[in-house]
Amino acid sequence: MTYRLFLDDERDPPAGEWEVVRSLETAQALVQARGLPSFISFDHDLGADEAGKPLPTGADFARWLGDFVMDNGLSLDGFEWYVHSQNPIGAANINGYLLGLVEHLGR
């Protein structure tokens, strides 16, 4: 865990060193290539396709990340996250899922 990931389809990260990804697929590819980051800043809503259909969300990435961690026997020791989404329900879903994952893995 040596990098920080910023997932958002529009906004730029705060100052500092970030790997910026704009979609679920790009985030998945980065984690598969580099491993689990030490920190993730999540947006929930990641835009829509040309027909207006919502694209996969930050919550979808959080769930994928949980599967990746469990499937690969990884630890979340030292892993941190922040949800910067302006969608309060989506933010609560991401936080709730990740808190449950950390609790589950700590058992």
PDB file of N, CA and C in Angstrom:
ATOM      1  N   MET A   1       0.841  -1.184   0.000  1.00  0.00           N
ATOM      2  CA  MET A   1       0.000   0.000   0.000  1.00  0.00           C
ATOM      3  C   MET A   1       0.881   1.241   0.000  1.00  0.00           C
ATOM      4  N   THR A   2       1.157   1.725  -1.176  1.00  0.00           N
ATOM      5  CA  THR A   2       2.088   2.843  -1.243  1.00  0.00           C
ATOM      6  C   THR A   2       1.582   4.016  -2.065  1.00  0.00           C
ATOM      7  N   TYR A   3       0.319   4.013  -2.448  1.00  0.00           N
ATOM      8  CA  TYR A   3      -0.186   5.123  -3.235  1.00  0.00           C
ATOM      9  C   TYR A   3      -1.573   5.515  -2.753  1.00  0.00           C
ATOM     10  N   ARG A   4      -2.003   6.713  -3.160  1.00  0.00           N
ATOM     11  CA  ARG A   4      -3.327   7.211  -2.813  1.00  0.00           C
ATOM     12  C   ARG A   4      -4.154   7.327  -4.088  1.00  0.00           C
ATOM     13  N   LEU A   5      -5.380   6.858  -4.016  1.00  0.00           N
ATOM     14  CA  LEU A   5      -6.262   6.820  -5.172  1.00  0.00           C
ATOM     15  C   LEU A   5      -7.398   7.820  -4.980  1.00  0.00           C
ATOM     16  N   PHE A   6      -7.706   8.570  -6.032  1.00  0.00           N
ATOM     17  CA  PHE A   6      -8.793   9.547  -6.030  1.00  0.00           C
ATOM     18  C   PHE A   6      -9.751   9.159  -7.137  1.00  0.00           C
ATOM     19  N   LEU A   7     -10.966   8.718  -6.755  1.00  0.00           N
ATOM     20  CA  LEU A   7     -11.986   8.280  -7.706  1.00  0.00           C
ATOM     21  C   LEU A   7     -13.055   9.352  -7.831  1.00  0.00           C
ATOM     22  N   ASP A   8     -13.117   9.988  -9.010  1.00  0.00           N
ATOM     23  CA  ASP A   8     -14.121  11.022  -9.263  1.00  0.00           C
ATOM     24  C   ASP A   8     -14.177  11.265 -10.765  1.00  0.00           C
ATOM     25  N   ASP A   9     -15.382  11.365 -11.311  1.00  0.00           N
ATOM     26  CA  ASP A   9     -15.519  11.554 -12.750  1.00  0.00           C
ATOM     27  C   ASP A   9     -15.297  12.995 -13.193  1.00  0.00           C
ATOM     28  N   GLU A  10     -15.328  13.952 -12.285  1.00  0.00           N
ATOM     29  CA  GLU A  10     -15.219  15.362 -12.667  1.00  0.00           C
ATOM     30  C   GLU A  10     -14.169  16.150 -11.895  1.00  0.00           C
ATOM     31  N   ARG A  11     -14.175  16.014 -10.589  1.00  0.00           N
ATOM     32  CA  ARG A  11     -13.327  16.857  -9.749  1.00  0.00           C
ATOM     33  C   ARG A  11     -11.878  16.377  -9.748  1.00  0.00           C
ATOM     34  N   ASP A  12     -11.013  17.323  -9.441  1.00  0.00           N
ATOM     35  CA  ASP A  12      -9.600  17.016  -9.265  1.00  0.00           C
ATOM     36  C   ASP A  12      -9.313  16.857  -7.780  1.00  0.00           C
ATOM     37  N   PRO A  13      -8.268  16.114  -7.442  1.00  0.00           N
ATOM     38  CA  PRO A  13      -7.952  15.880  -6.027  1.00  0.00           C
ATOM     39  C   PRO A  13      -7.343  17.109  -5.370  1.00  0.00           C
ATOM     40  N   PRO A  14      -7.329  17.100  -4.041  1.00  0.00           N
ATOM     41  CA  PRO A  14      -6.589  18.158  -3.339  1.00  0.00           C
ATOM     42  C   PRO A  14      -5.100  18.014  -3.642  1.00  0.00           C
ATOM     43  N   ALA A  15      -4.342  18.987  -3.253  1.00  0.00           N
ATOM     44  CA  ALA A  15      -2.900  18.971  -3.512  1.00  0.00           C
ATOM     45  C   ALA A  15      -2.264  17.713  -2.950  1.00  0.00           C
ATOM     46  N   GLY A  16      -1.233  17.254  -3.610  1.00  0.00           N
ATOM     47  CA  GLY A  16      -0.503  16.080  -3.162  1.00  0.00           C
ATOM     48  C   GLY A  16      -0.384  15.049  -4.266  1.00  0.00           C
ATOM     49  N   GLU A  17       0.201  13.938  -3.905  1.00  0.00           N
ATOM     50  CA  GLU A  17       0.416  12.845  -4.849  1.00  0.00           C
ATOM     51  C   GLU A  17      -0.803  11.936  -4.881  1.00  0.00           C
ATOM     52  N   TRP A  18      -1.475  11.845  -6.024  1.00  0.00           N
ATOM     53  CA  TRP A  18      -2.667  11.021  -6.195  1.00  0.00           C
ATOM     54  C   TRP A  18      -2.610  10.277  -7.513  1.00  0.00           C
ATOM     55  N   GLU A  19      -3.173   9.110  -7.533  1.00  0.00           N
ATOM     56  CA  GLU A  19      -3.507   8.415  -8.767  1.00  0.00           C
ATOM     57  C   GLU A  19      -4.982   8.736  -9.001  1.00  0.00           C
ATOM     58  N   VAL A  20      -5.276   9.489 -10.044  1.00  0.00           N
ATOM     59  CA  VAL A  20      -6.636   9.925 -10.318  1.00  0.00           C
ATOM     60  C   VAL A  20      -7.273   8.970 -11.314  1.00  0.00           C
ATOM     61  N   VAL A  21      -8.441   8.446 -10.957  1.00  0.00           N
ATOM     62  CA  VAL A  21      -9.201   7.570 -11.847  1.00  0.00           C
ATOM     63  C   VAL A  21     -10.608   8.127 -11.973  1.00  0.00           C
ATOM     64  N   ARG A  22     -11.183   7.965 -13.158  1.00  0.00           N
ATOM     65  CA  ARG A  22     -12.472   8.578 -13.457  1.00  0.00           C
ATOM     66  C   ARG A  22     -13.609   7.574 -13.607  1.00  0.00           C
ATOM     67  N   SER A  23     -13.300   6.273 -13.525  1.00  0.00           N
ATOM     68  CA  SER A  23     -14.339   5.259 -13.723  1.00  0.00           C
ATOM     69  C   SER A  23     -14.042   4.014 -12.896  1.00  0.00           C
ATOM     70  N   LEU A  24     -15.074   3.206 -12.718  1.00  0.00           N
ATOM     71  CA  LEU A  24     -14.932   1.925 -12.018  1.00  0.00           C
ATOM     72  C   LEU A  24     -13.871   1.063 -12.688  1.00  0.00           C
ATOM     73  N   GLU A  25     -13.944   0.949 -14.001  1.00  0.00           N
ATOM     74  CA  GLU A  25     -13.026   0.064 -14.721  1.00  0.00           C
ATOM     75  C   GLU A  25     -11.571   0.506 -14.566  1.00  0.00           C
ATOM     76  N   THR A  26     -11.332   1.800 -14.614  1.00  0.00           N
ATOM     77  CA  THR A  26      -9.960   2.307 -14.448  1.00  0.00           C
ATOM     78  C   THR A  26      -9.471   2.076 -13.024  1.00  0.00           C
ATOM     79  N   ALA A  27     -10.345   2.259 -12.056  1.00  0.00           N
ATOM     80  CA  ALA A  27      -9.979   2.015 -10.660  1.00  0.00           C
ATOM     81  C   ALA A  27      -9.640   0.541 -10.444  1.00  0.00           C
ATOM     82  N   GLN A  28     -10.450  -0.346 -10.992  1.00  0.00           N
ATOM     83  CA  GLN A  28     -10.186  -1.782 -10.871  1.00  0.00           C
ATOM     84  C   GLN A  28      -8.846  -2.146 -11.501  1.00  0.00           C
ATOM     85  N   ALA A  29      -8.589  -1.631 -12.690  1.00  0.00           N
ATOM     86  CA  ALA A  29      -7.338  -1.949 -13.387  1.00  0.00           C
ATOM     87  C   ALA A  29      -6.127  -1.464 -12.587  1.00  0.00           C
ATOM     88  N   LEU A  30      -6.229  -0.283 -11.989  1.00  0.00           N
ATOM     89  CA  LEU A  30      -5.119   0.250 -11.199  1.00  0.00           C
ATOM     90  C   LEU A  30      -4.852  -0.625  -9.979  1.00  0.00           C
ATOM     91  N   VAL A  31      -5.894  -1.011  -9.266  1.00  0.00           N
ATOM     92  CA  VAL A  31      -5.715  -1.851  -8.072  1.00  0.00           C
ATOM     93  C   VAL A  31      -5.175  -3.225  -8.471  1.00  0.00           C
ATOM     94  N   GLN A  32      -5.635  -3.775  -9.573  1.00  0.00           N
ATOM     95  CA  GLN A  32      -5.118  -5.066 -10.017  1.00  0.00           C
ATOM     96  C   GLN A  32      -3.646  -4.970 -10.398  1.00  0.00           C
ATOM     97  N   ALA A  33      -3.228  -3.841 -10.956  1.00  0.00           N
ATOM     98  CA  ALA A  33      -1.836  -3.665 -11.370  1.00  0.00           C
ATOM     99  C   ALA A  33      -0.913  -3.299 -10.214  1.00  0.00           C
ATOM    100  N   ARG A  34      -1.377  -2.460  -9.282  1.00  0.00           N
ATOM    101  CA  ARG A  34      -0.505  -1.916  -8.237  1.00  0.00           C
ATOM    102  C   ARG A  34      -0.802  -2.425  -6.843  1.00  0.00           C
ATOM    103  N   GLY A  35      -1.908  -3.135  -6.677  1.00  0.00           N
ATOM    104  CA  GLY A  35      -2.284  -3.594  -5.356  1.00  0.00           C
ATOM    105  C   GLY A  35      -3.148  -2.576  -4.641  1.00  0.00           C
ATOM    106  N   LEU A  36      -3.479  -2.885  -3.413  1.00  0.00           N
ATOM    107  CA  LEU A  36      -4.362  -2.056  -2.600  1.00  0.00           C
ATOM    108  C   LEU A  36      -3.680  -0.730  -2.255  1.00  0.00           C
ATOM    109  N   PRO A  37      -4.361   0.400  -2.489  1.00  0.00           N
ATOM    110  CA  PRO A  37      -3.762   1.685  -2.093  1.00  0.00           C
ATOM    111  C   PRO A  37      -3.835   1.873  -0.579  1.00  0.00           C
ATOM    112  N   SER A  38      -3.066   2.811  -0.080  1.00  0.00           N
ATOM    113  CA  SER A  38      -3.115   3.104   1.353  1.00  0.00           C
ATOM    114  C   SER A  38      -4.301   3.992   1.698  1.00  0.00           C
ATOM    115  N   PHE A  39      -4.796   4.731   0.705  1.00  0.00           N
ATOM    116  CA  PHE A  39      -5.891   5.671   0.935  1.00  0.00           C
ATOM    117  C   PHE A  39      -6.705   5.808  -0.341  1.00  0.00           C
ATOM    118  N   ILE A  40      -8.032   5.851  -0.197  1.00  0.00           N
ATOM    119  CA  ILE A  40      -8.912   6.114  -1.331  1.00  0.00           C
ATOM    120  C   ILE A  40      -9.867   7.230  -0.952  1.00  0.00           C
ATOM    121  N   SER A  41      -9.986   8.214  -1.839  1.00  0.00           N
ATOM    122  CA  SER A  41     -11.001   9.242  -1.720  1.00  0.00           C
ATOM    123  C   SER A  41     -12.073   8.921  -2.763  1.00  0.00           C
ATOM    124  N   PHE A  42     -13.294   8.637  -2.288  1.00  0.00           N
ATOM    125  CA  PHE A  42     -14.380   8.150  -3.127  1.00  0.00           C
ATOM    126  C   PHE A  42     -15.379   9.243  -3.495  1.00  0.00           C
ATOM    127  N   ASP A  43     -15.765   9.260  -4.761  1.00  0.00           N
ATOM    128  CA  ASP A  43     -16.996   9.914  -5.187  1.00  0.00           C
ATOM    129  C   ASP A  43     -18.003   8.795  -5.383  1.00  0.00           C
ATOM    130  N   HIS A  44     -19.282   9.070  -5.231  1.00  0.00           N
ATOM    131  CA  HIS A  44     -20.292   8.036  -5.462  1.00  0.00           C
ATOM    132  C   HIS A  44     -20.749   8.045  -6.913  1.00  0.00           C
ATOM    133  N   ASP A  45     -21.293   9.150  -7.383  1.00  0.00           N
ATOM    134  CA  ASP A  45     -21.855   9.213  -8.735  1.00  0.00           C
ATOM    135  C   ASP A  45     -20.736   9.460  -9.739  1.00  0.00           C
ATOM    136  N   LEU A  46     -20.610   8.544 -10.695  1.00  0.00           N
ATOM    137  CA  LEU A  46     -19.515   8.622 -11.668  1.00  0.00           C
ATOM    138  C   LEU A  46     -20.009   8.883 -13.080  1.00  0.00           C
ATOM    139  N   GLY A  47     -21.081   9.640 -13.199  1.00  0.00           N
ATOM    140  CA  GLY A  47     -21.561  10.074 -14.496  1.00  0.00           C
ATOM    141  C   GLY A  47     -22.534   9.108 -15.140  1.00  0.00           C
ATOM    142  N   ALA A  48     -22.821   9.394 -16.421  1.00  0.00           N
ATOM    143  CA  ALA A  48     -23.777   8.603 -17.192  1.00  0.00           C
ATOM    144  C   ALA A  48     -23.232   8.388 -18.596  1.00  0.00           C
ATOM    145  N   ASP A  49     -23.751   7.352 -19.262  1.00  0.00           N
ATOM    146  CA  ASP A  49     -23.341   7.105 -20.643  1.00  0.00           C
ATOM    147  C   ASP A  49     -24.095   8.039 -21.593  1.00  0.00           C
ATOM    148  N   GLU A  50     -23.885   7.870 -22.895  1.00  0.00           N
ATOM    149  CA  GLU A  50     -24.489   8.749 -23.893  1.00  0.00           C
ATOM    150  C   GLU A  50     -26.013   8.713 -23.868  1.00  0.00           C
ATOM    151  N   ALA A  51     -26.590   7.602 -23.435  1.00  0.00           N
ATOM    152  CA  ALA A  51     -28.052   7.468 -23.366  1.00  0.00           C
ATOM    153  C   ALA A  51     -28.614   7.984 -22.044  1.00  0.00           C
ATOM    154  N   GLY A  52     -27.748   8.464 -21.155  1.00  0.00           N
ATOM    155  CA  GLY A  52     -28.198   8.978 -19.876  1.00  0.00           C
ATOM    156  C   GLY A  52     -28.287   7.936 -18.780  1.00  0.00           C
ATOM    157  N   LYS A  53     -27.881   6.700 -19.073  1.00  0.00           N
ATOM    158  CA  LYS A  53     -27.918   5.634 -18.062  1.00  0.00           C
ATOM    159  C   LYS A  53     -26.737   5.819 -17.101  1.00  0.00           C
ATOM    160  N   PRO A  54     -27.006   5.829 -15.779  1.00  0.00           N
ATOM    161  CA  PRO A  54     -25.908   6.004 -14.818  1.00  0.00           C
ATOM    162  C   PRO A  54     -24.836   4.916 -14.969  1.00  0.00           C
ATOM    163  N   LEU A  55     -23.586   5.351 -14.879  1.00  0.00           N
ATOM    164  CA  LEU A  55     -22.452   4.422 -14.909  1.00  0.00           C
ATOM    165  C   LEU A  55     -22.269   3.806 -13.528  1.00  0.00           C
ATOM    166  N   PRO A  56     -21.484   2.726 -13.434  1.00  0.00           N
ATOM    167  CA  PRO A  56     -21.186   2.149 -12.112  1.00  0.00           C
ATOM    168  C   PRO A  56     -20.660   3.232 -11.162  1.00  0.00           C
ATOM    169  N   THR A  57     -20.951   3.060  -9.894  1.00  0.00           N
ATOM    170  CA  THR A  57     -20.685   4.085  -8.881  1.00  0.00           C
ATOM    171  C   THR A  57     -19.463   3.773  -8.009  1.00  0.00           C
ATOM    172  N   GLY A  58     -19.137   4.731  -7.167  1.00  0.00           N
ATOM    173  CA  GLY A  58     -18.109   4.513  -6.162  1.00  0.00           C
ATOM    174  C   GLY A  58     -18.482   3.385  -5.203  1.00  0.00           C
ATOM    175  N   ALA A  59     -19.774   3.206  -4.936  1.00  0.00           N
ATOM    176  CA  ALA A  59     -20.213   2.091  -4.091  1.00  0.00           C
ATOM    177  C   ALA A  59     -19.951   0.759  -4.789  1.00  0.00           C
ATOM    178  N   ASP A  60     -20.137   0.722  -6.105  1.00  0.00           N
ATOM    179  CA  ASP A  60     -19.811  -0.498  -6.852  1.00  0.00           C
ATOM    180  C   ASP A  60     -18.315  -0.808  -6.725  1.00  0.00           C
ATOM    181  N   PHE A  61     -17.487   0.236  -6.787  1.00  0.00           N
ATOM    182  CA  PHE A  61     -16.049   0.026  -6.628  1.00  0.00           C
ATOM    183  C   PHE A  61     -15.712  -0.450  -5.218  1.00  0.00           C
ATOM    184  N   ALA A  62     -16.358   0.126  -4.212  1.00  0.00           N
ATOM    185  CA  ALA A  62     -16.110  -0.302  -2.827  1.00  0.00           C
ATOM    186  C   ALA A  62     -16.433  -1.786  -2.665  1.00  0.00           C
ATOM    187  N   ARG A  63     -17.565  -2.227  -3.231  1.00  0.00           N
ATOM    188  CA  ARG A  63     -17.930  -3.649  -3.136  1.00  0.00           C
ATOM    189  C   ARG A  63     -16.934  -4.523  -3.905  1.00  0.00           C
ATOM    190  N   TRP A  64     -16.512  -4.070  -5.073  1.00  0.00           N
ATOM    191  CA  TRP A  64     -15.509  -4.815  -5.835  1.00  0.00           C
ATOM    192  C   TRP A  64     -14.206  -4.898  -5.022  1.00  0.00           C
ATOM    193  N   LEU A  65     -13.828  -3.782  -4.401  1.00  0.00           N
ATOM    194  CA  LEU A  65     -12.605  -3.745  -3.606  1.00  0.00           C
ATOM    195  C   LEU A  65     -12.683  -4.742  -2.454  1.00  0.00           C
ATOM    196  N   GLY A  66     -13.842  -4.827  -1.802  1.00  0.00           N
ATOM    197  CA  GLY A  66     -14.029  -5.802  -0.732  1.00  0.00           C
ATOM    198  C   GLY A  66     -13.830  -7.218  -1.227  1.00  0.00           C
ATOM    199  N   ASP A  67     -14.393  -7.541  -2.375  1.00  0.00           N
ATOM    200  CA  ASP A  67     -14.195  -8.870  -2.965  1.00  0.00           C
ATOM    201  C   ASP A  67     -12.725  -9.107  -3.286  1.00  0.00           C
ATOM    202  N   PHE A  68     -12.052  -8.093  -3.832  1.00  0.00           N
ATOM    203  CA  PHE A  68     -10.633  -8.201  -4.175  1.00  0.00           C
ATOM    204  C   PHE A  68      -9.805  -8.485  -2.924  1.00  0.00           C
ATOM    205  N   VAL A  69     -10.090  -7.767  -1.847  1.00  0.00           N
ATOM    206  CA  VAL A  69      -9.359  -7.959  -0.588  1.00  0.00           C
ATOM    207  C   VAL A  69      -9.574  -9.378  -0.069  1.00  0.00           C
ATOM    208  N   MET A  70     -10.828  -9.815  -0.020  1.00  0.00           N
ATOM    209  CA  MET A  70     -11.120 -11.145   0.534  1.00  0.00           C
ATOM    210  C   MET A  70     -10.620 -12.264  -0.377  1.00  0.00           C
ATOM    211  N   ASP A  71     -10.781 -12.115  -1.687  1.00  0.00           N
ATOM    212  CA  ASP A  71     -10.343 -13.152  -2.619  1.00  0.00           C
ATOM    213  C   ASP A  71      -8.828 -13.334  -2.612  1.00  0.00           C
ATOM    214  N   ASN A  72      -8.100 -12.263  -2.281  1.00  0.00           N
ATOM    215  CA  ASN A  72      -6.638 -12.316  -2.298  1.00  0.00           C
ATOM    216  C   ASN A  72      -6.020 -12.394  -0.906  1.00  0.00           C
ATOM    217  N   GLY A  73      -6.858 -12.554   0.116  1.00  0.00           N
ATOM    218  CA  GLY A  73      -6.352 -12.692   1.477  1.00  0.00           C
ATOM    219  C   GLY A  73      -5.575 -11.485   1.965  1.00  0.00           C
ATOM    220  N   LEU A  74      -5.994 -10.300   1.557  1.00  0.00           N
ATOM    221  CA  LEU A  74      -5.281  -9.081   1.922  1.00  0.00           C
ATOM    222  C   LEU A  74      -5.755  -8.548   3.270  1.00  0.00           C
ATOM    223  N   SER A  75      -4.919  -7.749   3.872  1.00  0.00           N
ATOM    224  CA  SER A  75      -5.242  -7.094   5.129  1.00  0.00           C
ATOM    225  C   SER A  75      -5.609  -5.639   4.852  1.00  0.00           C
ATOM    226  N   LEU A  76      -6.483  -5.097   5.662  1.00  0.00           N
ATOM    227  CA  LEU A  76      -6.802  -3.674   5.566  1.00  0.00           C
ATOM    228  C   LEU A  76      -6.103  -2.859   6.651  1.00  0.00           C
ATOM    229  N   ASP A  77      -5.122  -3.460   7.321  1.00  0.00           N
ATOM    230  CA  ASP A  77      -4.337  -2.720   8.309  1.00  0.00           C
ATOM    231  C   ASP A  77      -3.658  -1.541   7.613  1.00  0.00           C
ATOM    232  N   GLY A  78      -3.870  -0.363   8.116  1.00  0.00           N
ATOM    233  CA  GLY A  78      -3.269   0.833   7.559  1.00  0.00           C
ATOM    234  C   GLY A  78      -4.063   1.453   6.421  1.00  0.00           C
ATOM    235  N   PHE A  79      -5.119   0.798   5.965  1.00  0.00           N
ATOM    236  CA  PHE A  79      -5.933   1.335   4.877  1.00  0.00           C
ATOM    237  C   PHE A  79      -6.895   2.387   5.423  1.00  0.00           C
ATOM    238  N   GLU A  80      -6.991   3.511   4.715  1.00  0.00           N
ATOM    239  CA  GLU A  80      -7.899   4.583   5.105  1.00  0.00           C
ATOM    240  C   GLU A  80      -8.686   5.041   3.892  1.00  0.00           C
ATOM    241  N   TRP A  81      -9.833   5.678   4.143  1.00  0.00           N
ATOM    242  CA  TRP A  81     -10.632   6.215   3.049  1.00  0.00           C
ATOM    243  C   TRP A  81     -11.387   7.450   3.520  1.00  0.00           C
ATOM    244  N   TYR A  82     -11.853   8.184   2.526  1.00  0.00           N
ATOM    245  CA  TYR A  82     -12.709   9.332   2.755  1.00  0.00           C
ATOM    246  C   TYR A  82     -13.711   9.356   1.610  1.00  0.00           C
ATOM    247  N   VAL A  83     -14.948   9.708   1.895  1.00  0.00           N
ATOM    248  CA  VAL A  83     -15.956   9.828   0.848  1.00  0.00           C
ATOM    249  C   VAL A  83     -16.251  11.306   0.658  1.00  0.00           C
ATOM    250  N   HIS A  84     -15.839  11.844  -0.480  1.00  0.00           N
ATOM    251  CA  HIS A  84     -16.032  13.272  -0.753  1.00  0.00           C
ATOM    252  C   HIS A  84     -17.280  13.529  -1.607  1.00  0.00           C
ATOM    253  N   SER A  85     -18.094  12.526  -1.832  1.00  0.00           N
ATOM    254  CA  SER A  85     -19.291  12.636  -2.653  1.00  0.00           C
ATOM    255  C   SER A  85     -20.280  13.642  -2.086  1.00  0.00           C
ATOM    256  N   GLN A  86     -20.978  14.321  -2.978  1.00  0.00           N
ATOM    257  CA  GLN A  86     -22.042  15.229  -2.561  1.00  0.00           C
ATOM    258  C   GLN A  86     -23.386  14.502  -2.471  1.00  0.00           C
ATOM    259  N   ASN A  87     -23.396  13.201  -2.734  1.00  0.00           N
ATOM    260  CA  ASN A  87     -24.599  12.380  -2.636  1.00  0.00           C
ATOM    261  C   ASN A  87     -24.612  11.762  -1.230  1.00  0.00           C
ATOM    262  N   PRO A  88     -25.439  12.262  -0.316  1.00  0.00           N
ATOM    263  CA  PRO A  88     -25.373  11.791   1.075  1.00  0.00           C
ATOM    264  C   PRO A  88     -25.749  10.317   1.234  1.00  0.00           C
ATOM    265  N   ILE A  89     -26.698   9.833   0.474  1.00  0.00           N
ATOM    266  CA  ILE A  89     -27.087   8.423   0.584  1.00  0.00           C
ATOM    267  C   ILE A  89     -25.980   7.540   0.013  1.00  0.00           C
ATOM    268  N   GLY A  90     -25.431   7.929  -1.130  1.00  0.00           N
ATOM    269  CA  GLY A  90     -24.325   7.170  -1.713  1.00  0.00           C
ATOM    270  C   GLY A  90     -23.112   7.154  -0.794  1.00  0.00           C
ATOM    271  N   ALA A  91     -22.816   8.302  -0.181  1.00  0.00           N
ATOM    272  CA  ALA A  91     -21.682   8.382   0.744  1.00  0.00           C
ATOM    273  C   ALA A  91     -21.905   7.462   1.934  1.00  0.00           C
ATOM    274  N   ALA A  92     -23.117   7.460   2.470  1.00  0.00           N
ATOM    275  CA  ALA A  92     -23.429   6.585   3.602  1.00  0.00           C
ATOM    276  C   ALA A  92     -23.293   5.118   3.211  1.00  0.00           C
ATOM    277  N   ASN A  93     -23.691   4.779   1.993  1.00  0.00           N
ATOM    278  CA  ASN A  93     -23.563   3.394   1.530  1.00  0.00           C
ATOM    279  C   ASN A  93     -22.099   2.966   1.445  1.00  0.00           C
ATOM    280  N   ILE A  94     -21.253   3.825   0.896  1.00  0.00           N
ATOM    281  CA  ILE A  94     -19.827   3.496   0.797  1.00  0.00           C
ATOM    282  C   ILE A  94     -19.220   3.349   2.186  1.00  0.00           C
ATOM    283  N   ASN A  95     -19.456   4.338   3.052  1.00  0.00           N
ATOM    284  CA  ASN A  95     -18.906   4.275   4.407  1.00  0.00           C
ATOM    285  C   ASN A  95     -19.411   3.060   5.166  1.00  0.00           C
ATOM    286  N   GLY A  96     -20.699   2.786   5.083  1.00  0.00           N
ATOM    287  CA  GLY A  96     -21.271   1.639   5.783  1.00  0.00           C
ATOM    288  C   GLY A  96     -20.679   0.326   5.310  1.00  0.00           C
ATOM    289  N   TYR A  97     -20.531   0.185   3.990  1.00  0.00           N
ATOM    290  CA  TYR A  97     -19.957  -1.047   3.463  1.00  0.00           C
ATOM    291  C   TYR A  97     -18.515  -1.219   3.942  1.00  0.00           C
ATOM    292  N   LEU A  98     -17.704  -0.171   3.813  1.00  0.00           N
ATOM    293  CA  LEU A  98     -16.294  -0.289   4.194  1.00  0.00           C
ATOM    294  C   LEU A  98     -16.122  -0.501   5.696  1.00  0.00           C
ATOM    295  N   LEU A  99     -16.938   0.159   6.514  1.00  0.00           N
ATOM    296  CA  LEU A  99     -16.863  -0.085   7.957  1.00  0.00           C
ATOM    297  C   LEU A  99     -17.216  -1.526   8.282  1.00  0.00           C
ATOM    298  N   GLY A 100     -18.229  -2.063   7.618  1.00  0.00           N
ATOM    299  CA  GLY A 100     -18.599  -3.476   7.821  1.00  0.00           C
ATOM    300  C   GLY A 100     -17.504  -4.416   7.369  1.00  0.00           C
ATOM    301  N   LEU A 101     -16.850  -4.091   6.262  1.00  0.00           N
ATOM    302  CA  LEU A 101     -15.753  -4.913   5.764  1.00  0.00           C
ATOM    303  C   LEU A 101     -14.593  -4.927   6.747  1.00  0.00           C
ATOM    304  N   VAL A 102     -14.211  -3.774   7.239  1.00  0.00           N
ATOM    305  CA  VAL A 102     -13.119  -3.694   8.214  1.00  0.00           C
ATOM    306  C   VAL A 102     -13.465  -4.486   9.463  1.00  0.00           C
ATOM    307  N   GLU A 103     -14.699  -4.370   9.925  1.00  0.00           N
ATOM    308  CA  GLU A 103     -15.128  -5.117  11.112  1.00  0.00           C
ATOM    309  C   GLU A 103     -15.079  -6.612  10.838  1.00  0.00           C
ATOM    310  N   HIS A 104     -15.580  -7.028   9.690  1.00  0.00           N
ATOM    311  CA  HIS A 104     -15.584  -8.447   9.340  1.00  0.00           C
ATOM    312  C   HIS A 104     -14.157  -9.022   9.280  1.00  0.00           C
ATOM    313  N   LEU A 105     -13.260  -8.275   8.654  1.00  0.00           N
ATOM    314  CA  LEU A 105     -11.881  -8.771   8.517  1.00  0.00           C
ATOM    315  C   LEU A 105     -11.123  -8.729   9.838  1.00  0.00           C
ATOM    316  N   GLY A 106     -11.569  -7.874  10.769  1.00  0.00           N
ATOM    317  CA  GLY A 106     -10.908  -7.795  12.068  1.00  0.00           C
ATOM    318  C   GLY A 106     -11.265  -8.922  13.007  1.00  0.00           C
ATOM    319  N   ARG A 107     -12.243  -9.731  12.630  1.00  0.00           N
ATOM    320  CA  ARG A 107     -12.662 -10.850  13.494  1.00  0.00           C
ATOM    321  C   ARG A 107     -11.727 -12.008  13.396  1.00  0.00           C
TER     322      ARG A 107
END
